[in-house]
Amino acid sequence: MSGVSVLVVDDEAGMRETVSDILTGKGYDVTTAINGEDALSQLRKGTFSLVLMDIRMPGRDGISILREIGPPPPPVVLMTAYAADEHVRAATEAGSFALIHKPVPAQRLLDVVAQATAA
């Protein structure tokens, strides 16, 4: 996906690396951030086609970061290992493009990224 840049934000190194590997393997240009503040710093430095961000992180969570950067662009897909209704509602109210549950099957990840970057 030449020209499609994705910012992957997750405090878990393994998840960041897995998502990054899946996306770079399909040609996406991936930048990673280890937390919400790092994500904001990366967003100030460059333009991204999409942000994939964990909801629960130390410090500022993904929903507060989403509210700060807000739509439009870039679209933000939030990821969570917790299936609480409150996360779904908060993500929707904050303007998330989608909420996906971890662990994310590779094909589901690629499908959501393709939909978000095409929108």
N, C-alpha and C. Protein backbone atom coordinates (compact mmCIF):
# COMPACT_ATOMS: atom_id res chain seq x y z
N MET A 1 0.83 -1.18 0.00
CA MET A 1 0.00 0.00 0.00
C MET A 1 0.88 1.24 0.00
N SER A 2 1.55 1.46 -1.03
CA SER A 2 2.45 2.59 -1.14
C SER A 2 1.69 3.89 -0.87
N GLY A 3 2.24 4.71 0.00
CA GLY A 3 1.62 5.99 0.30
C GLY A 3 0.62 5.95 1.44
N VAL A 4 0.33 4.75 1.97
CA VAL A 4 -0.61 4.64 3.10
C VAL A 4 0.22 4.47 4.37
N SER A 5 0.15 5.48 5.23
CA SER A 5 0.94 5.45 6.45
C SER A 5 0.03 5.21 7.65
N VAL A 6 0.49 4.32 8.53
CA VAL A 6 -0.29 3.91 9.69
C VAL A 6 0.55 4.13 10.94
N LEU A 7 -0.06 4.78 11.93
CA LEU A 7 0.55 4.92 13.25
C LEU A 7 -0.05 3.87 14.15
N VAL A 8 0.79 2.98 14.68
CA VAL A 8 0.35 1.91 15.58
C VAL A 8 0.77 2.30 16.99
N VAL A 9 -0.23 2.39 17.89
CA VAL A 9 0.02 2.84 19.26
C VAL A 9 -0.43 1.75 20.22
N ASP A 10 0.52 1.19 20.95
CA ASP A 10 0.20 0.17 21.95
C ASP A 10 1.35 0.11 22.95
N ASP A 11 1.01 -0.01 24.23
CA ASP A 11 2.06 -0.08 25.25
C ASP A 11 2.69 -1.46 25.33
N GLU A 12 2.07 -2.46 24.71
CA GLU A 12 2.63 -3.81 24.69
C GLU A 12 3.50 -3.98 23.46
N ALA A 13 4.80 -4.18 23.68
CA ALA A 13 5.76 -4.29 22.58
C ALA A 13 5.37 -5.40 21.61
N GLY A 14 4.95 -6.54 22.13
CA GLY A 14 4.59 -7.67 21.27
C GLY A 14 3.45 -7.34 20.34
N MET A 15 2.46 -6.64 20.83
CA MET A 15 1.31 -6.26 20.00
C MET A 15 1.74 -5.25 18.95
N ARG A 16 2.53 -4.24 19.35
CA ARG A 16 3.03 -3.26 18.38
C ARG A 16 3.79 -3.94 17.25
N GLU A 17 4.68 -4.86 17.63
CA GLU A 17 5.50 -5.54 16.63
C GLU A 17 4.66 -6.43 15.72
N THR A 18 3.70 -7.16 16.29
CA THR A 18 2.86 -8.04 15.49
C THR A 18 2.05 -7.25 14.48
N VAL A 19 1.37 -6.20 14.94
CA VAL A 19 0.56 -5.38 14.04
C VAL A 19 1.45 -4.72 12.98
N SER A 20 2.59 -4.21 13.40
CA SER A 20 3.52 -3.59 12.47
C SER A 20 4.00 -4.58 11.40
N ASP A 21 4.36 -5.78 11.84
CA ASP A 21 4.83 -6.80 10.89
C ASP A 21 3.75 -7.18 9.88
N ILE A 22 2.51 -7.33 10.35
CA ILE A 22 1.41 -7.68 9.44
C ILE A 22 1.23 -6.58 8.40
N LEU A 23 1.22 -5.35 8.86
CA LEU A 23 0.96 -4.24 7.94
C LEU A 23 2.13 -3.97 6.99
N THR A 24 3.36 -4.01 7.51
CA THR A 24 4.50 -3.77 6.61
C THR A 24 4.62 -4.90 5.60
N GLY A 25 4.23 -6.10 6.00
CA GLY A 25 4.24 -7.23 5.06
C GLY A 25 3.29 -7.04 3.89
N LYS A 26 2.30 -6.18 4.07
CA LYS A 26 1.34 -5.88 3.00
C LYS A 26 1.63 -4.53 2.34
N GLY A 27 2.77 -3.93 2.67
CA GLY A 27 3.19 -2.72 1.98
C GLY A 27 2.81 -1.41 2.64
N TYR A 28 2.23 -1.45 3.83
CA TYR A 28 1.90 -0.21 4.52
C TYR A 28 3.17 0.38 5.14
N ASP A 29 3.22 1.69 5.22
CA ASP A 29 4.30 2.41 5.88
C ASP A 29 3.88 2.59 7.34
N VAL A 30 4.59 1.93 8.27
CA VAL A 30 4.17 1.89 9.66
C VAL A 30 5.15 2.63 10.57
N THR A 31 4.58 3.45 11.45
CA THR A 31 5.32 4.10 12.53
C THR A 31 4.68 3.61 13.82
N THR A 32 5.48 3.44 14.86
CA THR A 32 4.92 2.97 16.12
C THR A 32 5.10 4.01 17.23
N ALA A 33 4.23 3.90 18.22
CA ALA A 33 4.30 4.75 19.41
C ALA A 33 3.99 3.87 20.61
N ILE A 34 4.65 4.16 21.74
CA ILE A 34 4.53 3.29 22.91
C ILE A 34 3.42 3.72 23.89
N ASN A 35 2.87 4.91 23.70
CA ASN A 35 1.79 5.37 24.57
C ASN A 35 1.11 6.58 23.92
N GLY A 36 0.12 7.12 24.62
CA GLY A 36 -0.64 8.23 24.06
C GLY A 36 0.18 9.48 23.82
N GLU A 37 1.05 9.82 24.74
CA GLU A 37 1.88 11.01 24.56
C GLU A 37 2.82 10.85 23.38
N ASP A 38 3.39 9.66 23.23
CA ASP A 38 4.25 9.38 22.09
C ASP A 38 3.45 9.48 20.79
N ALA A 39 2.21 9.02 20.82
CA ALA A 39 1.34 9.11 19.64
C ALA A 39 1.12 10.57 19.25
N LEU A 40 0.81 11.41 20.23
CA LEU A 40 0.62 12.83 19.93
C LEU A 40 1.87 13.44 19.34
N SER A 41 3.02 13.07 19.87
CA SER A 41 4.29 13.56 19.34
C SER A 41 4.47 13.14 17.88
N GLN A 42 4.19 11.87 17.58
CA GLN A 42 4.30 11.37 16.20
C GLN A 42 3.33 12.08 15.28
N LEU A 43 2.12 12.34 15.77
CA LEU A 43 1.11 13.02 14.96
C LEU A 43 1.50 14.47 14.67
N ARG A 44 2.22 15.09 15.58
CA ARG A 44 2.71 16.46 15.33
C ARG A 44 3.82 16.48 14.28
N LYS A 45 4.57 15.39 14.21
CA LYS A 45 5.71 15.31 13.28
C LYS A 45 5.30 14.99 11.85
N GLY A 46 4.22 14.23 11.68
CA GLY A 46 3.89 13.78 10.34
C GLY A 46 2.42 13.56 10.14
N THR A 47 2.08 13.20 8.92
CA THR A 47 0.70 12.95 8.54
C THR A 47 0.51 11.45 8.36
N PHE A 48 -0.58 10.95 8.90
CA PHE A 48 -0.87 9.52 8.83
C PHE A 48 -2.22 9.29 8.16
N SER A 49 -2.31 8.21 7.41
CA SER A 49 -3.57 7.83 6.78
C SER A 49 -4.52 7.21 7.79
N LEU A 50 -3.95 6.63 8.85
CA LEU A 50 -4.74 5.90 9.84
C LEU A 50 -3.96 5.78 11.13
N VAL A 51 -4.69 5.78 12.26
CA VAL A 51 -4.10 5.50 13.56
C VAL A 51 -4.78 4.26 14.12
N LEU A 52 -3.99 3.26 14.48
CA LEU A 52 -4.46 2.06 15.19
C LEU A 52 -3.97 2.20 16.62
N MET A 53 -4.90 2.26 17.59
CA MET A 53 -4.48 2.60 18.94
C MET A 53 -5.20 1.76 19.99
N ASP A 54 -4.42 1.28 20.95
CA ASP A 54 -4.97 0.56 22.09
C ASP A 54 -5.78 1.52 22.94
N ILE A 55 -6.84 1.02 23.56
CA ILE A 55 -7.63 1.87 24.46
C ILE A 55 -6.93 2.00 25.80
N ARG A 56 -6.53 0.88 26.40
CA ARG A 56 -5.97 0.91 27.75
C ARG A 56 -4.45 0.95 27.69
N MET A 57 -3.91 2.10 28.10
CA MET A 57 -2.47 2.28 28.17
C MET A 57 -2.16 3.06 29.44
N PRO A 58 -0.96 2.91 29.96
CA PRO A 58 -0.58 3.74 31.11
C PRO A 58 -0.61 5.22 30.72
N GLY A 59 -0.96 6.07 31.66
CA GLY A 59 -1.05 7.49 31.35
C GLY A 59 -2.36 7.75 30.63
N ARG A 60 -2.30 8.45 29.55
CA ARG A 60 -3.51 8.78 28.78
C ARG A 60 -3.97 7.60 27.96
N ASP A 61 -5.25 7.31 28.02
CA ASP A 61 -5.78 6.18 27.27
C ASP A 61 -6.11 6.57 25.83
N GLY A 62 -6.40 5.56 25.04
CA GLY A 62 -6.66 5.77 23.62
C GLY A 62 -7.84 6.67 23.33
N ILE A 63 -8.88 6.58 24.16
CA ILE A 63 -10.06 7.40 23.92
C ILE A 63 -9.76 8.88 24.18
N SER A 64 -9.00 9.19 25.21
CA SER A 64 -8.66 10.60 25.46
C SER A 64 -7.78 11.15 24.34
N ILE A 65 -6.89 10.32 23.82
CA ILE A 65 -6.05 10.76 22.69
C ILE A 65 -6.91 10.97 21.46
N LEU A 66 -7.84 10.04 21.20
CA LEU A 66 -8.75 10.18 20.06
C LEU A 66 -9.53 11.49 20.16
N ARG A 67 -10.03 11.80 21.34
CA ARG A 67 -10.78 13.05 21.52
C ARG A 67 -9.91 14.27 21.23
N GLU A 68 -8.63 14.17 21.58
CA GLU A 68 -7.73 15.30 21.34
C GLU A 68 -7.42 15.48 19.87
N ILE A 69 -7.15 14.39 19.16
CA ILE A 69 -6.83 14.53 17.74
C ILE A 69 -8.09 14.63 16.92
N GLY A 70 -9.15 13.97 17.40
CA GLY A 70 -10.47 14.04 16.80
C GLY A 70 -10.52 13.81 15.31
N PRO A 71 -11.67 13.37 14.86
CA PRO A 71 -11.84 13.30 13.42
C PRO A 71 -12.18 14.68 12.90
N PRO A 72 -12.04 15.01 11.64
CA PRO A 72 -11.32 14.23 10.64
C PRO A 72 -9.86 14.55 10.62
N PRO A 73 -9.20 14.16 9.60
CA PRO A 73 -8.36 12.98 9.59
C PRO A 73 -7.36 12.96 10.71
N PRO A 74 -6.71 11.92 10.96
CA PRO A 74 -6.89 10.63 10.30
C PRO A 74 -7.98 9.81 11.00
N PRO A 75 -8.51 8.81 10.30
CA PRO A 75 -9.42 7.91 11.00
C PRO A 75 -8.65 7.15 12.07
N VAL A 76 -9.32 6.84 13.17
CA VAL A 76 -8.70 6.12 14.27
C VAL A 76 -9.47 4.83 14.52
N VAL A 77 -8.73 3.73 14.55
CA VAL A 77 -9.29 2.43 14.92
C VAL A 77 -8.74 2.10 16.29
N LEU A 78 -9.64 1.91 17.24
CA LEU A 78 -9.22 1.56 18.59
C LEU A 78 -9.20 0.05 18.76
N MET A 79 -8.25 -0.41 19.55
CA MET A 79 -8.10 -1.85 19.83
C MET A 79 -8.24 -2.07 21.33
N THR A 80 -8.85 -3.18 21.70
CA THR A 80 -8.99 -3.50 23.12
C THR A 80 -9.02 -5.00 23.34
N ALA A 81 -8.50 -5.40 24.47
CA ALA A 81 -8.59 -6.79 24.90
C ALA A 81 -9.80 -6.98 25.80
N TYR A 82 -10.48 -5.88 26.09
CA TYR A 82 -11.63 -5.89 26.99
C TYR A 82 -12.89 -5.61 26.19
N ALA A 83 -13.88 -6.44 26.35
CA ALA A 83 -15.10 -6.30 25.54
C ALA A 83 -16.21 -5.58 26.29
N ALA A 84 -15.88 -4.62 27.12
CA ALA A 84 -16.88 -3.91 27.90
C ALA A 84 -17.71 -2.99 27.01
N ASP A 85 -19.02 -2.96 27.27
CA ASP A 85 -19.92 -2.10 26.51
C ASP A 85 -19.51 -0.63 26.64
N GLU A 86 -18.97 -0.27 27.80
CA GLU A 86 -18.56 1.13 28.01
C GLU A 86 -17.47 1.54 27.03
N HIS A 87 -16.57 0.60 26.66
CA HIS A 87 -15.53 0.92 25.68
C HIS A 87 -16.13 1.15 24.30
N VAL A 88 -17.08 0.30 23.95
CA VAL A 88 -17.73 0.44 22.64
C VAL A 88 -18.44 1.79 22.56
N ARG A 89 -19.18 2.12 23.58
CA ARG A 89 -19.93 3.38 23.61
C ARG A 89 -18.97 4.58 23.59
N ALA A 90 -17.94 4.53 24.42
CA ALA A 90 -16.98 5.65 24.47
C ALA A 90 -16.24 5.81 23.14
N ALA A 91 -15.86 4.70 22.53
CA ALA A 91 -15.16 4.76 21.24
C ALA A 91 -16.05 5.36 20.17
N THR A 92 -17.30 4.96 20.16
CA THR A 92 -18.26 5.48 19.17
C THR A 92 -18.49 6.97 19.40
N GLU A 93 -18.72 7.35 20.64
CA GLU A 93 -18.97 8.75 20.95
C GLU A 93 -17.77 9.64 20.64
N ALA A 94 -16.57 9.10 20.77
CA ALA A 94 -15.36 9.88 20.50
C ALA A 94 -15.03 9.97 19.02
N GLY A 95 -15.74 9.20 18.19
CA GLY A 95 -15.54 9.30 16.75
C GLY A 95 -14.61 8.26 16.15
N SER A 96 -14.42 7.14 16.84
CA SER A 96 -13.57 6.08 16.32
C SER A 96 -14.18 5.50 15.04
N PHE A 97 -13.32 5.20 14.07
CA PHE A 97 -13.79 4.56 12.85
C PHE A 97 -14.31 3.15 13.15
N ALA A 98 -13.59 2.44 14.03
CA ALA A 98 -13.96 1.08 14.40
C ALA A 98 -13.31 0.73 15.73
N LEU A 99 -13.83 -0.30 16.35
CA LEU A 99 -13.25 -0.86 17.56
C LEU A 99 -13.04 -2.34 17.29
N ILE A 100 -11.79 -2.79 17.41
CA ILE A 100 -11.50 -4.20 17.18
C ILE A 100 -10.94 -4.81 18.46
N HIS A 101 -11.23 -6.09 18.63
CA HIS A 101 -10.83 -6.78 19.84
C HIS A 101 -9.54 -7.56 19.64
N LYS A 102 -8.67 -7.47 20.65
CA LYS A 102 -7.40 -8.19 20.62
C LYS A 102 -7.60 -9.54 21.31
N PRO A 103 -6.89 -10.56 20.88
CA PRO A 103 -5.96 -10.53 19.74
C PRO A 103 -6.71 -10.42 18.42
N VAL A 104 -6.15 -9.66 17.53
CA VAL A 104 -6.79 -9.38 16.25
C VAL A 104 -6.29 -10.37 15.21
N PRO A 105 -7.19 -11.16 14.61
CA PRO A 105 -6.75 -12.02 13.51
C PRO A 105 -6.20 -11.15 12.38
N ALA A 106 -5.14 -11.60 11.76
CA ALA A 106 -4.45 -10.81 10.73
C ALA A 106 -5.40 -10.35 9.63
N GLN A 107 -6.26 -11.23 9.15
CA GLN A 107 -7.16 -10.84 8.05
C GLN A 107 -8.16 -9.79 8.50
N ARG A 108 -8.65 -9.89 9.72
CA ARG A 108 -9.57 -8.88 10.26
C ARG A 108 -8.87 -7.54 10.34
N LEU A 109 -7.63 -7.54 10.82
CA LEU A 109 -6.84 -6.31 10.89
C LEU A 109 -6.70 -5.68 9.52
N LEU A 110 -6.30 -6.49 8.55
CA LEU A 110 -6.11 -5.97 7.19
C LEU A 110 -7.40 -5.45 6.59
N ASP A 111 -8.51 -6.14 6.85
CA ASP A 111 -9.81 -5.69 6.33
C ASP A 111 -10.20 -4.33 6.91
N VAL A 112 -10.04 -4.17 8.21
CA VAL A 112 -10.41 -2.90 8.86
C VAL A 112 -9.50 -1.77 8.39
N VAL A 113 -8.21 -2.05 8.25
CA VAL A 113 -7.27 -1.03 7.78
C VAL A 113 -7.62 -0.62 6.35
N ALA A 114 -7.94 -1.57 5.50
CA ALA A 114 -8.32 -1.26 4.13
C ALA A 114 -9.60 -0.42 4.09
N GLN A 115 -10.58 -0.78 4.92
CA GLN A 115 -11.83 0.00 4.96
C GLN A 115 -11.58 1.42 5.46
N ALA A 116 -10.80 1.54 6.50
CA ALA A 116 -10.55 2.86 7.10
C ALA A 116 -9.76 3.77 6.16
N THR A 117 -8.80 3.21 5.46
CA THR A 117 -7.98 4.04 4.56
C THR A 117 -8.69 4.34 3.25
N ALA A 118 -9.73 3.58 2.93
CA ALA A 118 -10.51 3.84 1.72
C ALA A 118 -11.63 4.86 1.97
N ALA A 119 -11.97 5.03 3.25
CA ALA A 119 -13.11 5.92 3.59
C ALA A 119 -12.77 7.38 3.37
